[in-house]
Amino acid sequence: FMSGVNFIASAFDATLPAYVIPNPRGGNNMLGFVTSFSGIAMVVGSLIVTVLPKPKDRVKVIFLSMLFSLSTENFLLAFSRLPLLWCISQFLGWVFVPVMSANQNVIMRNSIPSKLQGRVYACRNTLQFFTIPIGLVFGGFMVDEVCEPIMSKAGSNMNFLFGTGKGSGAALMMFILGVLGTLMCIIFWNKLKKYQYTEE
């Protein structure tokens, strides 16, 4: 599940510059300003984790936080044309990442014997993060070779949804990533919701 999250998140990282920079309200400086809100969100999310009570179901928290992040950010960006909404979407997309990460680490640290944690974490990190370069390549390819050509030939309905000109293909890609992220979270949750994690 987390390798899928990282795949979609890294495809998003490749798509965001192609979305913001060509926009008339965008540009390089605006891209830097928008991406700074992900850092602000991570700080706020880390503070939220410190004050939240211990959840009854950490697995559910992981899935719900990623469902919120992967759907809200991508869908807002896909249909918005205002820098303020871009900043809000970045904040919403990242604010619950520390919540997910904290609960994941608690599960692993409490479930895995200390003498095995090094090997298990190494294996976990390999499986969780190997999709990042794949997602970066996928995102760039989809924007340049698939989505931008589609939007350049699109009719009025597609242009109404995702805009016109360069960058509209990146907006379409944001929508695709939102759909993929939402479906992935729902499918994995339906398969794993019977898993019971209890803390001693």
C-alpha atoms as a PDB file:
ATOM      1  CA  PHE A   1       0.000   0.000   0.000  1.00  0.00           C
ATOM      2  CA  MET A   2       2.718   2.473   0.912  1.00  0.00           C
ATOM      3  CA  SER A   3       4.665   1.723  -2.260  1.00  0.00           C
ATOM      4  CA  GLY A   4       1.502   2.644  -4.157  1.00  0.00           C
ATOM      5  CA  VAL A   5       1.183   5.859  -2.149  1.00  0.00           C
ATOM      6  CA  ASN A   6       4.763   6.783  -2.995  1.00  0.00           C
ATOM      7  CA  PHE A   7       4.225   5.968  -6.656  1.00  0.00           C
ATOM      8  CA  ILE A   8       1.276   8.368  -6.877  1.00  0.00           C
ATOM      9  CA  ALA A   9       2.988  11.016  -4.742  1.00  0.00           C
ATOM     10  CA  SER A  10       6.132  10.972  -6.883  1.00  0.00           C
ATOM     11  CA  ALA A  11       4.060  11.143 -10.083  1.00  0.00           C
ATOM     12  CA  PHE A  12       2.430  14.186  -8.512  1.00  0.00           C
ATOM     13  CA  ASP A  13       5.870  15.696  -7.845  1.00  0.00           C
ATOM     14  CA  ALA A  14       6.686  15.344 -11.550  1.00  0.00           C
ATOM     15  CA  THR A  15       3.329  16.831 -12.574  1.00  0.00           C
ATOM     16  CA  LEU A  16       3.156  19.881 -10.293  1.00  0.00           C
ATOM     17  CA  PRO A  17       5.868  21.964 -12.067  1.00  0.00           C
ATOM     18  CA  ALA A  18       4.228  21.254 -15.434  1.00  0.00           C
ATOM     19  CA  TYR A  19       0.973  22.494 -13.937  1.00  0.00           C
ATOM     20  CA  VAL A  20       2.121  25.670 -12.150  1.00  0.00           C
ATOM     21  CA  ILE A  21       4.954  27.057 -14.283  1.00  0.00           C
ATOM     22  CA  PRO A  22       3.086  27.447 -17.627  1.00  0.00           C
ATOM     23  CA  ASN A  23       0.001  28.899 -15.951  1.00  0.00           C
ATOM     24  CA  PRO A  24      -0.450  32.674 -16.476  1.00  0.00           C
ATOM     25  CA  ARG A  25      -0.750  33.035 -12.696  1.00  0.00           C
ATOM     26  CA  GLY A  26       2.137  30.655 -12.096  1.00  0.00           C
ATOM     27  CA  GLY A  27       5.826  30.680 -12.916  1.00  0.00           C
ATOM     28  CA  ASN A  28       8.977  29.565 -11.136  1.00  0.00           C
ATOM     29  CA  ASN A  29       8.532  31.825  -8.126  1.00  0.00           C
ATOM     30  CA  MET A  30       4.938  30.738  -7.672  1.00  0.00           C
ATOM     31  CA  LEU A  31       5.993  27.088  -7.851  1.00  0.00           C
ATOM     32  CA  GLY A  32       8.405  27.675  -4.997  1.00  0.00           C
ATOM     33  CA  PHE A  33       5.738  29.487  -3.005  1.00  0.00           C
ATOM     34  CA  VAL A  34       3.165  26.730  -3.559  1.00  0.00           C
ATOM     35  CA  THR A  35       5.538  23.899  -2.685  1.00  0.00           C
ATOM     36  CA  SER A  36       6.548  25.688   0.519  1.00  0.00           C
ATOM     37  CA  PHE A  37       3.063  24.951   1.827  1.00  0.00           C
ATOM     38  CA  SER A  38       3.849  21.246   1.884  1.00  0.00           C
ATOM     39  CA  GLY A  39       6.628  21.983   4.367  1.00  0.00           C
ATOM     40  CA  ILE A  40       4.340  24.189   6.450  1.00  0.00           C
ATOM     41  CA  ALA A  41       1.745  21.408   6.418  1.00  0.00           C
ATOM     42  CA  MET A  42       4.279  18.848   7.626  1.00  0.00           C
ATOM     43  CA  VAL A  43       5.212  21.040  10.584  1.00  0.00           C
ATOM     44  CA  VAL A  44       1.544  21.571  11.465  1.00  0.00           C
ATOM     45  CA  GLY A  45       0.826  17.863  11.009  1.00  0.00           C
ATOM     46  CA  SER A  46       3.677  16.964  13.329  1.00  0.00           C
ATOM     47  CA  LEU A  47       2.202  19.248  15.991  1.00  0.00           C
ATOM     48  CA  ILE A  48      -1.214  17.657  15.463  1.00  0.00           C
ATOM     49  CA  VAL A  49       0.257  14.209  16.129  1.00  0.00           C
ATOM     50  CA  THR A  50       1.634  15.348  19.479  1.00  0.00           C
ATOM     51  CA  VAL A  51      -1.789  16.456  20.775  1.00  0.00           C
ATOM     52  CA  LEU A  52      -4.043  13.795  19.277  1.00  0.00           C
ATOM     53  CA  PRO A  53      -5.174  11.019  21.626  1.00  0.00           C
ATOM     54  CA  LYS A  54      -4.069   7.472  20.861  1.00  0.00           C
ATOM     55  CA  PRO A  55      -6.368   6.160  18.102  1.00  0.00           C
ATOM     56  CA  LYS A  56      -8.350   2.990  18.621  1.00  0.00           C
ATOM     57  CA  ASP A  57      -7.519   1.752  15.120  1.00  0.00           C
ATOM     58  CA  ARG A  58      -4.130   2.854  13.802  1.00  0.00           C
ATOM     59  CA  VAL A  59      -4.544   0.952  10.535  1.00  0.00           C
ATOM     60  CA  LYS A  60      -7.747   2.856   9.804  1.00  0.00           C
ATOM     61  CA  VAL A  61      -6.011   6.152  10.548  1.00  0.00           C
ATOM     62  CA  ILE A  62      -3.282   5.308   8.046  1.00  0.00           C
ATOM     63  CA  PHE A  63      -5.757   4.556   5.282  1.00  0.00           C
ATOM     64  CA  LEU A  64      -8.059   7.505   5.975  1.00  0.00           C
ATOM     65  CA  SER A  65      -5.202   9.997   6.168  1.00  0.00           C
ATOM     66  CA  MET A  66      -3.838   8.834   2.817  1.00  0.00           C
ATOM     67  CA  LEU A  67      -7.292   8.786   1.256  1.00  0.00           C
ATOM     68  CA  PHE A  68      -7.732  12.409   2.320  1.00  0.00           C
ATOM     69  CA  SER A  69      -4.273  13.426   1.097  1.00  0.00           C
ATOM     70  CA  LEU A  70      -4.289  11.687  -2.281  1.00  0.00           C
ATOM     71  CA  SER A  71      -7.807  12.714  -3.221  1.00  0.00           C
ATOM     72  CA  THR A  72      -8.143  16.250  -1.852  1.00  0.00           C
ATOM     73  CA  GLU A  73      -4.890  17.658  -3.191  1.00  0.00           C
ATOM     74  CA  ASN A  74      -5.106  16.184  -6.678  1.00  0.00           C
ATOM     75  CA  PHE A  75      -8.763  16.990  -7.270  1.00  0.00           C
ATOM     76  CA  LEU A  76      -8.426  20.568  -5.997  1.00  0.00           C
ATOM     77  CA  LEU A  77      -5.445  21.202  -8.235  1.00  0.00           C
ATOM     78  CA  ALA A  78      -7.085  19.579 -11.245  1.00  0.00           C
ATOM     79  CA  PHE A  79     -10.048  21.954 -11.202  1.00  0.00           C
ATOM     80  CA  SER A  80      -8.579  25.149  -9.696  1.00  0.00           C
ATOM     81  CA  ARG A  81      -6.958  28.082 -11.461  1.00  0.00           C
ATOM     82  CA  LEU A  82      -6.115  30.279  -8.476  1.00  0.00           C
ATOM     83  CA  PRO A  83      -2.758  30.272  -6.633  1.00  0.00           C
ATOM     84  CA  LEU A  84      -4.560  30.514  -3.290  1.00  0.00           C
ATOM     85  CA  LEU A  85      -6.313  27.208  -4.001  1.00  0.00           C
ATOM     86  CA  TRP A  86      -3.019  25.669  -5.090  1.00  0.00           C
ATOM     87  CA  CYS A  87      -1.508  26.574  -1.718  1.00  0.00           C
ATOM     88  CA  ILE A  88      -4.533  25.256   0.163  1.00  0.00           C
ATOM     89  CA  SER A  89      -4.423  21.993  -1.783  1.00  0.00           C
ATOM     90  CA  GLN A  90      -0.729  21.545  -1.013  1.00  0.00           C
ATOM     91  CA  PHE A  91      -1.403  22.122   2.661  1.00  0.00           C
ATOM     92  CA  LEU A  92      -4.312  19.671   2.746  1.00  0.00           C
ATOM     93  CA  GLY A  93      -2.345  17.074   0.810  1.00  0.00           C
ATOM     94  CA  TRP A  94       0.538  17.030   3.297  1.00  0.00           C
ATOM     95  CA  VAL A  95      -0.904  17.936   6.694  1.00  0.00           C
ATOM     96  CA  PHE A  96      -1.887  14.355   7.565  1.00  0.00           C
ATOM     97  CA  VAL A  97       1.297  12.702   6.263  1.00  0.00           C
ATOM     98  CA  PRO A  98       2.962  12.928   9.709  1.00  0.00           C
ATOM     99  CA  VAL A  99      -0.175  11.388  11.222  1.00  0.00           C
ATOM    100  CA  MET A 100       0.110   8.453   8.842  1.00  0.00           C
ATOM    101  CA  SER A 101       3.846   8.090   9.378  1.00  0.00           C
ATOM    102  CA  ALA A 102       3.617   8.201  13.178  1.00  0.00           C
ATOM    103  CA  ASN A 103       0.931   5.517  13.307  1.00  0.00           C
ATOM    104  CA  GLN A 104       2.805   3.322  10.858  1.00  0.00           C
ATOM    105  CA  ASN A 105       5.977   3.540  12.923  1.00  0.00           C
ATOM    106  CA  VAL A 106       4.134   2.761  16.172  1.00  0.00           C
ATOM    107  CA  ILE A 107       2.642  -0.380  14.608  1.00  0.00           C
ATOM    108  CA  MET A 108       6.002  -1.570  13.326  1.00  0.00           C
ATOM    109  CA  ARG A 109       8.004  -0.761  16.448  1.00  0.00           C
ATOM    110  CA  ASN A 110       5.466  -2.446  18.713  1.00  0.00           C
ATOM    111  CA  SER A 111       4.927  -5.479  16.471  1.00  0.00           C
ATOM    112  CA  ILE A 112       8.481  -6.338  15.430  1.00  0.00           C
ATOM    113  CA  PRO A 113      10.965  -7.774  17.936  1.00  0.00           C
ATOM    114  CA  SER A 114      13.860  -5.352  18.461  1.00  0.00           C
ATOM    115  CA  LYS A 115      16.420  -7.864  17.206  1.00  0.00           C
ATOM    116  CA  LEU A 116      14.614  -8.053  13.854  1.00  0.00           C
ATOM    117  CA  GLN A 117      13.794  -4.393  13.368  1.00  0.00           C
ATOM    118  CA  GLY A 118      16.898  -3.561  11.335  1.00  0.00           C
ATOM    119  CA  ARG A 119      16.211  -6.259   8.748  1.00  0.00           C
ATOM    120  CA  VAL A 120      12.477  -5.624   8.645  1.00  0.00           C
ATOM    121  CA  TYR A 121      12.889  -1.867   8.265  1.00  0.00           C
ATOM    122  CA  ALA A 122      15.440  -2.395   5.493  1.00  0.00           C
ATOM    123  CA  CYS A 123      12.995  -4.648   3.678  1.00  0.00           C
ATOM    124  CA  ARG A 124      10.111  -2.253   4.340  1.00  0.00           C
ATOM    125  CA  ASN A 125      12.057   0.733   3.030  1.00  0.00           C
ATOM    126  CA  THR A 126      13.057  -1.144  -0.116  1.00  0.00           C
ATOM    127  CA  LEU A 127       9.466  -2.085  -0.883  1.00  0.00           C
ATOM    128  CA  GLN A 128       8.018   1.254   0.172  1.00  0.00           C
ATOM    129  CA  PHE A 129      10.377   3.584  -1.690  1.00  0.00           C
ATOM    130  CA  PHE A 130      11.419   1.749  -4.863  1.00  0.00           C
ATOM    131  CA  THR A 131       8.366   3.139  -6.656  1.00  0.00           C
ATOM    132  CA  ILE A 132       9.470   6.773  -6.278  1.00  0.00           C
ATOM    133  CA  PRO A 133      11.757   6.912  -9.359  1.00  0.00           C
ATOM    134  CA  ILE A 134       9.186   4.888 -11.295  1.00  0.00           C
ATOM    135  CA  GLY A 135       6.484   7.375 -10.357  1.00  0.00           C
ATOM    136  CA  LEU A 136       8.648  10.331 -11.392  1.00  0.00           C
ATOM    137  CA  VAL A 137       9.226   8.811 -14.820  1.00  0.00           C
ATOM    138  CA  PHE A 138       5.553   7.853 -15.131  1.00  0.00           C
ATOM    139  CA  GLY A 139       4.335  11.330 -14.195  1.00  0.00           C
ATOM    140  CA  GLY A 140       6.619  13.100 -16.648  1.00  0.00           C
ATOM    141  CA  PHE A 141       5.798  10.678 -19.452  1.00  0.00           C
ATOM    142  CA  MET A 142       2.061  10.933 -18.901  1.00  0.00           C
ATOM    143  CA  VAL A 143       2.069  14.725 -18.912  1.00  0.00           C
ATOM    144  CA  ASP A 144       4.289  15.163 -21.973  1.00  0.00           C
ATOM    145  CA  GLU A 145       3.264  12.221 -24.121  1.00  0.00           C
ATOM    146  CA  VAL A 146      -0.349  11.510 -23.169  1.00  0.00           C
ATOM    147  CA  CYS A 147      -2.210  14.240 -21.294  1.00  0.00           C
ATOM    148  CA  GLU A 148      -0.894  17.364 -23.025  1.00  0.00           C
ATOM    149  CA  PRO A 149      -1.583  15.915 -26.525  1.00  0.00           C
ATOM    150  CA  ILE A 150      -5.072  14.881 -25.388  1.00  0.00           C
ATOM    151  CA  MET A 151      -5.841  18.377 -24.111  1.00  0.00           C
ATOM    152  CA  SER A 152      -4.430  20.053 -27.216  1.00  0.00           C
ATOM    153  CA  LYS A 153      -7.028  18.139 -29.242  1.00  0.00           C
ATOM    154  CA  ALA A 154      -9.776  18.203 -26.629  1.00  0.00           C
ATOM    155  CA  GLY A 155     -13.222  19.626 -27.145  1.00  0.00           C
ATOM    156  CA  SER A 156     -14.969  22.281 -25.104  1.00  0.00           C
ATOM    157  CA  ASN A 157     -16.022  19.855 -22.356  1.00  0.00           C
ATOM    158  CA  MET A 158     -12.440  18.883 -21.508  1.00  0.00           C
ATOM    159  CA  ASN A 159     -11.254  22.485 -21.764  1.00  0.00           C
ATOM    160  CA  PHE A 160     -14.022  23.580 -19.418  1.00  0.00           C
ATOM    161  CA  LEU A 161     -12.829  21.097 -16.816  1.00  0.00           C
ATOM    162  CA  PHE A 162      -9.053  21.386 -17.093  1.00  0.00           C
ATOM    163  CA  GLY A 163      -8.377  24.672 -18.877  1.00  0.00           C
ATOM    164  CA  THR A 164      -6.666  25.406 -22.154  1.00  0.00           C
ATOM    165  CA  GLY A 165      -3.114  25.712 -23.362  1.00  0.00           C
ATOM    166  CA  LYS A 166       0.057  24.299 -21.877  1.00  0.00           C
ATOM    167  CA  GLY A 167      -0.535  23.043 -18.358  1.00  0.00           C
ATOM    168  CA  SER A 168      -4.039  21.774 -19.033  1.00  0.00           C
ATOM    169  CA  GLY A 169      -2.589  18.318 -19.630  1.00  0.00           C
ATOM    170  CA  ALA A 170      -0.965  18.463 -16.201  1.00  0.00           C
ATOM    171  CA  ALA A 171      -4.387  19.353 -14.746  1.00  0.00           C
ATOM    172  CA  LEU A 172      -5.814  16.258 -16.431  1.00  0.00           C
ATOM    173  CA  MET A 173      -2.971  14.226 -14.944  1.00  0.00           C
ATOM    174  CA  MET A 174      -3.806  15.593 -11.487  1.00  0.00           C
ATOM    175  CA  PHE A 175      -7.344  14.334 -11.939  1.00  0.00           C
ATOM    176  CA  ILE A 176      -6.067  10.908 -13.014  1.00  0.00           C
ATOM    177  CA  LEU A 177      -3.801  10.731  -9.960  1.00  0.00           C
ATOM    178  CA  GLY A 178      -6.729  11.704  -7.727  1.00  0.00           C
ATOM    179  CA  VAL A 179      -8.815   8.873  -9.141  1.00  0.00           C
ATOM    180  CA  LEU A 180      -5.930   6.382  -8.833  1.00  0.00           C
ATOM    181  CA  GLY A 181      -5.176   7.420  -5.258  1.00  0.00           C
ATOM    182  CA  THR A 182      -8.813   7.221  -4.177  1.00  0.00           C
ATOM    183  CA  LEU A 183      -9.357   3.816  -5.770  1.00  0.00           C
ATOM    184  CA  MET A 184      -6.138   2.433  -4.332  1.00  0.00           C
ATOM    185  CA  CYS A 185      -7.037   3.496  -0.783  1.00  0.00           C
ATOM    186  CA  ILE A 186     -10.557   2.080  -1.054  1.00  0.00           C
ATOM    187  CA  ILE A 187      -9.410  -1.237  -2.554  1.00  0.00           C
ATOM    188  CA  PHE A 188      -6.638  -1.793  -0.012  1.00  0.00           C
ATOM    189  CA  TRP A 189      -8.866  -0.775   2.880  1.00  0.00           C
ATOM    190  CA  ASN A 190     -11.586  -3.222   1.806  1.00  0.00           C
ATOM    191  CA  LYS A 191      -8.995  -5.997   1.667  1.00  0.00           C
ATOM    192  CA  LEU A 192      -7.330  -5.181   4.980  1.00  0.00           C
ATOM    193  CA  LYS A 193     -10.108  -3.787   7.167  1.00  0.00           C
ATOM    194  CA  LYS A 194     -10.444  -7.141   8.953  1.00  0.00           C
ATOM    195  CA  TYR A 195      -6.858  -6.859  10.146  1.00  0.00           C
ATOM    196  CA  GLN A 196      -6.813  -6.261  13.872  1.00  0.00           C
ATOM    197  CA  TYR A 197      -3.904  -4.483  15.503  1.00  0.00           C
ATOM    198  CA  THR A 198      -3.929  -4.288  19.284  1.00  0.00           C
ATOM    199  CA  GLU A 199      -1.442  -2.625  21.608  1.00  0.00           C
ATOM    200  CA  GLU A 200      -0.421  -4.136  24.887  1.00  0.00           C
END
